[in-house]
Every structure is written in C-alpha cells, then in structure tokens.
Protein backbone atom coordinates (compact mmCIF):
# COMPACT_ATOMS: atom_id res chain seq x y z
CA MET A 1 66.64 2.04 29.39
CA THR A 2 65.03 -1.23 28.17
CA ASP A 3 62.99 0.26 25.70
CA THR A 4 65.90 1.89 24.11
CA LEU A 5 68.26 -1.24 24.00
CA PRO A 6 70.31 -1.62 20.68
CA PRO A 7 69.16 -4.64 18.19
CA LEU A 8 71.22 -7.64 18.98
CA ARG A 9 72.62 -7.45 15.73
CA GLU A 10 74.61 -3.94 16.36
CA VAL A 11 75.97 -5.38 19.74
CA ILE A 12 77.18 -8.35 18.20
CA ALA A 13 78.66 -6.19 15.06
CA ARG A 14 80.04 -3.74 17.46
CA HIS A 15 81.72 -6.41 19.83
CA GLY A 16 83.34 -8.01 16.60
CA LEU A 17 81.26 -11.32 17.84
CA THR A 18 81.01 -14.35 15.91
CA ALA A 19 79.50 -17.85 17.07
CA SER A 20 82.61 -20.47 18.06
CA LYS A 21 82.01 -23.43 16.26
CA ALA A 22 84.25 -25.19 19.23
CA LEU A 23 81.83 -23.75 21.46
CA GLY A 24 78.72 -24.95 20.21
CA GLN A 25 77.51 -21.69 19.95
CA ASN A 26 74.55 -20.20 17.51
CA PHE A 27 73.13 -16.89 18.43
CA LEU A 28 69.18 -16.48 18.63
CA LEU A 29 68.81 -12.75 16.96
CA ASP A 30 64.71 -12.97 17.19
CA GLY A 31 63.30 -11.01 19.81
CA GLN A 32 59.82 -12.33 19.61
CA LEU A 33 60.78 -15.42 19.76
CA LEU A 34 63.02 -14.89 22.71
CA SER A 35 60.28 -13.36 24.61
CA ARG A 36 58.03 -16.34 23.75
CA ILE A 37 60.86 -18.72 25.01
CA ALA A 38 60.94 -16.40 28.31
CA ARG A 39 57.49 -16.84 28.88
CA VAL A 40 57.56 -20.55 29.16
CA PRO A 41 58.16 -21.31 32.57
CA GLY A 42 55.45 -18.79 33.19
CA ASP A 43 55.69 -15.60 35.30
CA LEU A 44 59.32 -14.62 35.73
CA LYS A 45 58.80 -11.42 37.65
CA ASP A 46 61.30 -11.31 40.41
CA ALA A 47 61.97 -15.16 40.00
CA GLU A 48 65.66 -16.41 39.88
CA VAL A 49 67.04 -17.76 36.79
CA PHE A 50 70.22 -19.91 36.05
CA GLU A 51 70.91 -19.41 32.00
CA VAL A 52 74.54 -21.16 30.66
CA GLY A 53 75.69 -19.67 27.70
CA PRO A 54 74.43 -16.58 27.10
CA GLY A 55 76.68 -15.30 24.19
CA PRO A 56 76.15 -11.47 23.11
CA GLY A 57 72.74 -11.76 25.60
CA GLY A 58 69.43 -12.49 23.75
CA LEU A 59 67.68 -14.43 25.72
CA THR A 60 69.50 -12.81 28.87
CA ARG A 61 67.46 -9.30 27.42
CA ALA A 62 64.54 -11.26 27.47
CA LEU A 63 64.35 -13.12 30.94
CA LEU A 64 65.25 -9.47 31.96
CA GLN A 65 62.53 -7.99 30.35
CA ALA A 66 60.08 -10.14 32.04
CA GLY A 67 61.26 -9.28 35.25
CA ALA A 68 63.57 -12.45 36.06
CA ARG A 69 66.87 -12.14 38.29
CA VAL A 70 69.50 -13.75 36.05
CA THR A 71 72.54 -15.45 37.09
CA ALA A 72 74.17 -16.32 33.33
CA VAL A 73 77.18 -18.35 32.83
CA GLU A 74 79.96 -17.50 30.25
CA ARG A 75 82.85 -18.79 29.39
CA ASP A 76 83.38 -16.89 26.68
CA ARG A 77 85.24 -13.88 27.85
CA ARG A 78 84.47 -12.26 24.49
CA CYS A 79 81.02 -11.81 25.49
CA ILE A 80 81.36 -10.16 28.63
CA PRO A 81 81.37 -6.55 27.91
CA ALA A 82 78.10 -7.01 26.11
CA LEU A 83 76.54 -8.54 28.82
CA ALA A 84 78.11 -5.74 31.32
CA GLU A 85 76.25 -3.40 29.00
CA LEU A 86 72.85 -5.44 29.52
CA GLY A 87 73.99 -5.57 33.12
CA ASP A 88 73.90 -1.84 33.15
CA ALA A 89 70.37 -1.18 31.50
CA PHE A 90 68.77 -3.60 34.03
CA PRO A 91 70.91 -2.35 37.73
CA GLY A 92 70.88 -5.53 40.36
CA LYS A 93 69.23 -7.65 38.08
CA LEU A 94 72.11 -9.53 36.25
CA ARG A 95 75.14 -11.29 37.58
CA VAL A 96 77.46 -12.49 35.08
CA ILE A 97 79.97 -15.39 35.90
CA GLU A 98 82.56 -16.62 33.61
CA GLU A 99 83.08 -19.81 34.24
CA ASP A 100 82.59 -23.47 32.77
CA ALA A 101 79.37 -24.74 33.29
CA LEU A 102 80.62 -28.25 33.58
CA GLU A 103 82.91 -26.72 36.41
CA ILE A 104 80.96 -25.46 38.74
CA ASP A 105 78.27 -25.57 41.91
CA ALA A 106 75.42 -24.18 40.47
CA ALA A 107 73.37 -25.44 43.03
CA ALA A 108 75.49 -23.03 45.33
CA LEU A 109 75.26 -19.70 43.41
CA PHE A 110 71.05 -19.90 44.74
CA GLU A 111 69.29 -19.77 48.09
CA GLY A 112 66.09 -20.45 46.23
CA LYS A 113 65.04 -22.85 43.79
CA PRO A 114 65.85 -21.28 40.09
CA HIS A 115 64.26 -21.65 37.08
CA ILE A 116 66.86 -22.88 34.50
CA VAL A 117 66.55 -21.47 30.95
CA SER A 118 68.59 -21.75 28.41
CA ASN A 119 70.01 -22.29 24.71
CA LEU A 120 72.33 -23.89 25.71
CA PRO A 121 75.95 -24.84 23.84
CA TYR A 122 75.42 -27.94 21.39
CA ASN A 123 78.60 -29.80 22.63
CA ILE A 124 77.68 -29.44 26.27
CA GLY A 125 73.56 -29.24 26.35
CA THR A 126 72.98 -33.29 26.93
CA ALA A 127 75.59 -34.00 29.24
CA LEU A 128 74.08 -30.45 31.56
CA LEU A 129 70.83 -31.88 31.43
CA VAL A 130 71.95 -35.69 32.84
CA ARG A 131 73.70 -33.45 35.64
CA TRP A 132 70.42 -31.56 36.35
CA LEU A 133 68.15 -34.27 36.20
CA SER A 134 70.69 -36.57 38.64
CA ALA A 135 70.71 -33.97 41.30
CA GLY A 136 69.19 -34.89 44.49
CA TRP A 137 65.54 -34.81 44.38
CA LEU A 138 63.37 -32.96 44.67
CA PRO A 139 66.07 -30.64 42.61
CA TRP A 140 67.56 -27.67 43.34
CA TRP A 141 65.82 -26.10 40.47
CA SER A 142 62.18 -25.41 39.76
CA SER A 143 61.82 -25.91 36.19
CA LEU A 144 63.98 -26.55 32.89
CA THR A 145 63.89 -24.67 29.86
CA LEU A 146 66.06 -25.55 26.91
CA MET A 147 66.84 -25.58 23.62
CA PHE A 148 67.96 -28.66 21.77
CA GLN A 149 68.60 -29.51 18.56
CA LYS A 150 65.66 -31.44 17.31
CA GLU A 151 67.22 -34.77 17.84
CA VAL A 152 67.80 -34.31 21.13
CA ALA A 153 64.94 -32.55 22.09
CA ASP A 154 62.81 -35.55 20.50
CA ARG A 155 64.45 -37.88 22.59
CA ILE A 156 63.69 -36.05 25.84
CA VAL A 157 59.80 -36.28 25.41
CA ALA A 158 59.69 -39.52 23.74
CA GLY A 159 57.31 -42.35 24.34
CA THR A 160 57.63 -45.94 23.52
CA ASP A 161 55.74 -45.73 20.69
CA ASP A 162 58.55 -43.65 19.15
CA ASP A 163 61.48 -44.14 17.41
CA ALA A 164 63.40 -41.86 19.13
CA TYR A 165 62.93 -43.18 22.65
CA GLY A 166 65.45 -44.50 24.28
CA ARG A 167 67.83 -44.42 27.88
CA LEU A 168 67.24 -40.40 27.90
CA ALA A 169 63.42 -40.32 27.60
CA VAL A 170 63.42 -42.53 31.05
CA LEU A 171 65.76 -40.27 32.81
CA ALA A 172 63.96 -37.49 31.95
CA GLN A 173 60.24 -38.84 32.72
CA TRP A 174 60.51 -41.31 35.53
CA ARG A 175 60.10 -38.23 37.91
CA SER A 176 59.63 -35.04 35.78
CA SER A 177 57.06 -34.24 33.25
CA ALA A 178 58.65 -33.64 29.96
CA LYS A 179 57.49 -31.49 27.25
CA LEU A 180 58.02 -29.81 23.69
CA ALA A 181 57.43 -26.25 24.28
CA MET A 182 58.28 -25.20 20.62
CA PRO A 183 60.01 -25.99 17.44
CA VAL A 184 62.57 -22.93 16.58
CA HIS A 185 63.67 -23.31 13.12
CA ARG A 186 67.66 -23.26 12.02
CA SER A 187 66.81 -20.21 9.75
CA ALA A 188 66.44 -18.15 13.48
CA PHE A 189 70.08 -18.87 14.18
CA THR A 190 73.22 -16.64 13.34
CA PRO A 191 75.08 -18.44 11.94
CA PRO A 192 72.04 -21.30 11.20
CA PRO A 193 73.08 -24.93 12.55
CA LYS A 194 72.68 -27.58 10.12
CA VAL A 195 69.72 -29.10 12.00
CA MET A 196 66.20 -28.06 13.39
CA SER A 197 65.87 -26.68 17.32
CA ALA A 198 63.45 -26.94 19.96
CA VAL A 199 62.46 -25.86 23.42
CA VAL A 200 62.04 -28.24 25.86
CA HIS A 201 59.98 -27.78 29.00
CA ILE A 202 60.57 -30.12 32.08
CA VAL A 203 59.16 -29.85 35.31
CA PRO A 204 60.26 -32.20 38.59
CA GLN A 205 57.57 -34.27 40.58
CA ALA A 206 57.67 -36.16 43.51
CA ALA A 207 60.42 -39.37 42.62
CA PRO A 208 58.81 -43.24 43.06
CA GLU A 209 59.62 -44.16 46.38
CA GLY A 210 62.30 -46.96 46.70
CA VAL A 211 64.18 -46.07 43.46
CA ASP A 212 67.97 -46.06 43.16
CA PHE A 213 68.32 -43.12 40.61
CA ALA A 214 72.10 -45.29 39.75
CA VAL A 215 70.73 -48.09 39.89
CA LEU A 216 67.89 -46.93 36.96
CA GLU A 217 70.88 -45.01 35.05
CA ARG A 218 72.60 -48.37 34.96
CA LEU A 219 69.62 -50.79 33.50
CA THR A 220 68.60 -48.47 30.99
CA GLY A 221 72.02 -47.67 30.05
CA ALA A 222 72.45 -51.42 29.76
CA ALA A 223 68.94 -52.05 28.15
CA PHE A 224 69.37 -49.47 25.68
CA GLY A 225 73.28 -49.83 24.77
CA GLN A 226 71.82 -52.67 22.75
CA ARG A 227 68.41 -51.58 22.12
CA ARG A 228 67.76 -54.23 18.90
CA LYS A 229 68.97 -56.87 21.42
CA MET A 230 66.54 -58.90 23.63
CA LEU A 231 66.13 -57.67 27.13
CA ARG A 232 67.89 -61.25 28.48
CA GLN A 233 70.74 -60.49 26.39
CA SER A 234 71.33 -56.48 27.22
CA VAL A 235 70.94 -56.65 30.35
CA LYS A 236 72.22 -59.45 31.82
CA GLY A 237 75.59 -57.96 32.96
CA VAL A 238 73.79 -56.27 35.18
CA PRO A 239 73.28 -57.79 38.83
CA GLY A 240 70.14 -58.24 40.05
CA ALA A 241 68.17 -57.04 36.44
CA LEU A 242 66.85 -60.33 35.01
CA ALA A 243 65.82 -61.65 38.28
CA ALA A 244 63.86 -58.42 38.87
CA LEU A 245 62.72 -58.28 35.46
CA GLU A 246 60.85 -61.86 36.09
CA GLN A 247 59.30 -60.78 39.46
CA VAL A 248 57.90 -57.89 37.71
CA GLY A 249 56.63 -59.67 35.20
CA ILE A 250 58.47 -58.22 32.08
CA GLU A 251 59.35 -60.76 29.56
CA ALA A 252 62.89 -61.05 28.89
CA THR A 253 62.45 -61.59 25.48
CA ARG A 254 61.56 -58.09 24.91
CA ARG A 255 63.63 -55.18 23.72
CA ALA A 256 64.54 -52.11 25.56
CA GLU A 257 62.36 -49.74 22.99
CA THR A 258 59.08 -51.76 23.94
CA VAL A 259 59.35 -51.04 27.95
CA SER A 260 57.47 -48.01 29.35
CA VAL A 261 59.09 -45.35 31.79
CA ALA A 262 56.83 -46.66 34.49
CA GLU A 263 57.84 -50.64 33.73
CA PHE A 264 61.48 -49.30 33.95
CA THR A 265 60.90 -47.44 37.15
CA GLU A 266 59.32 -50.63 38.61
CA VAL A 267 62.49 -52.71 37.92
CA ALA A 268 64.67 -50.41 39.28
CA ARG A 269 62.53 -50.83 42.06
CA VAL A 270 62.89 -54.04 42.86
CA MET A 271 66.82 -53.91 42.00
CA SER A 272 66.99 -51.11 44.47
CA ALA A 273 65.73 -52.94 47.42
C-alpha cells in the first residue's frame, strides 16, 4: 500500500487541514526533500525514531518509507485522522501520541535510544533543543535531525568567527558535533514562512570530564546576556567565574563572542570543581 499513498496535498485537502500559526505549523510537502531529510541520520531500517509535530504526516511518511518505527507526538487533534491513515498503511510501524511535546517524558517512551527527526514547530523548537541537550549524558537519544529557522540553525552551528556565535552554539557543541545538513527554501512549505529554514544534525559525543552542565549554562547565559561587554563585567555576578577565567588564562577584557567552546568548557570545569 505504501506505493499507492495519496499525495500530501490531497490528504490535507480531504481532512480540511490548514497550518496553525498559533502552533507554529508550516507543512512541508516536497516528497523528495522529505526523503533527503529522512536520510540524514543514516540507515533507519528498523530504527526507532521520535518525531515532534508531524502535522499531516509528510516527514512521518518519509521516515516510514525509510524503514523506521516512528513514535510521533502531535497536539493538534485535527491531524490525528490523517496520521491514523498513515498508520494503517504501515501496520505496526507508527505510534501516535496526542499530547504536548513540552509536557511529556519522551525518554520514557523508548527502551533503546531513538533518533529524533522533526520539522519542529517554530514556537517550541529552541526550548525542545535545549531540553534534549541538557539530558543526562550520554543522552537517551542517538542523534538529532531538526528543522529550524535558518537564523536559529546558524546559531547552533556557529563558531567564534561567526556573528551568530553565542550561548546556543556552546550548549550544542561542547559535547556534541553539530552541522548544517541542508538549507530549505521557504517555498518548500505550505504556507511559506517569512524566513528561510535549515536542517541541523547533532550527534552526541563523550562529555568532557568534570564539567557540570548547569554551571556551563549559567556561565554562558551571563556571558552572552551582555555579549558586547567585557567578561569582567558580564560574568561578575556568577560565583567563581572571574577566578576561573584567571586560572584558565583567559583575559577578563575579552568579550564572550571571542571565547571558544573549548575555552568556555575549561572555565566551567574549574568552576565545577
């Protein structure tokens, strides 16, 4: 049956679905593009995949066609019948949970470590990413393949020589590899958003020893909260930060945007001791 699935536009029209601005929805309908996104994590045959906000099921369909077993969390009940049809076409391969992704214990849904693959709703994407990055390490997921607004994607993969470099880059890169997998033009969506998008792929790595995530989060939050100020001013309210900078050999006259991920990690290590 999978080769006779109706076009996504037909599914959307039949169920009377329109993208909800309040839910941050933009439907992605290009089958070839969806298949490319589903290939980013690698071979998904018989792999567990967690998807947030499947909507009418465009990416879900591509993941199922790639052989994945998909658990999808969707809070928009208008989309549930369309997803149920997709489940019928792939018996035993799709589990749909009608819930808010910000309120569920996603890790408890899996026995193994799923790949997270999602065209994230714009209004909760960054919050979910930070939650997944702050999980115990090594985390409960195998990789993250996520669609963001291009501006957010750039912030995740940026380095110190990039204007987009900031707190999100440090949190994503200090114990993970993060790369831009592909840009996605706004015209690929229905309705087209006002901004361009991009897919980011993140793979966890062993965490540097002796670094407390909460300490790093406080340090970078303060440093980039006043990014145009010197570190001696921006982090002075964080206990132990100035002493740690001196111990590591980082001049307090520098600004946060010049401090590398490795340097922030080393400062956080000293503060965590």
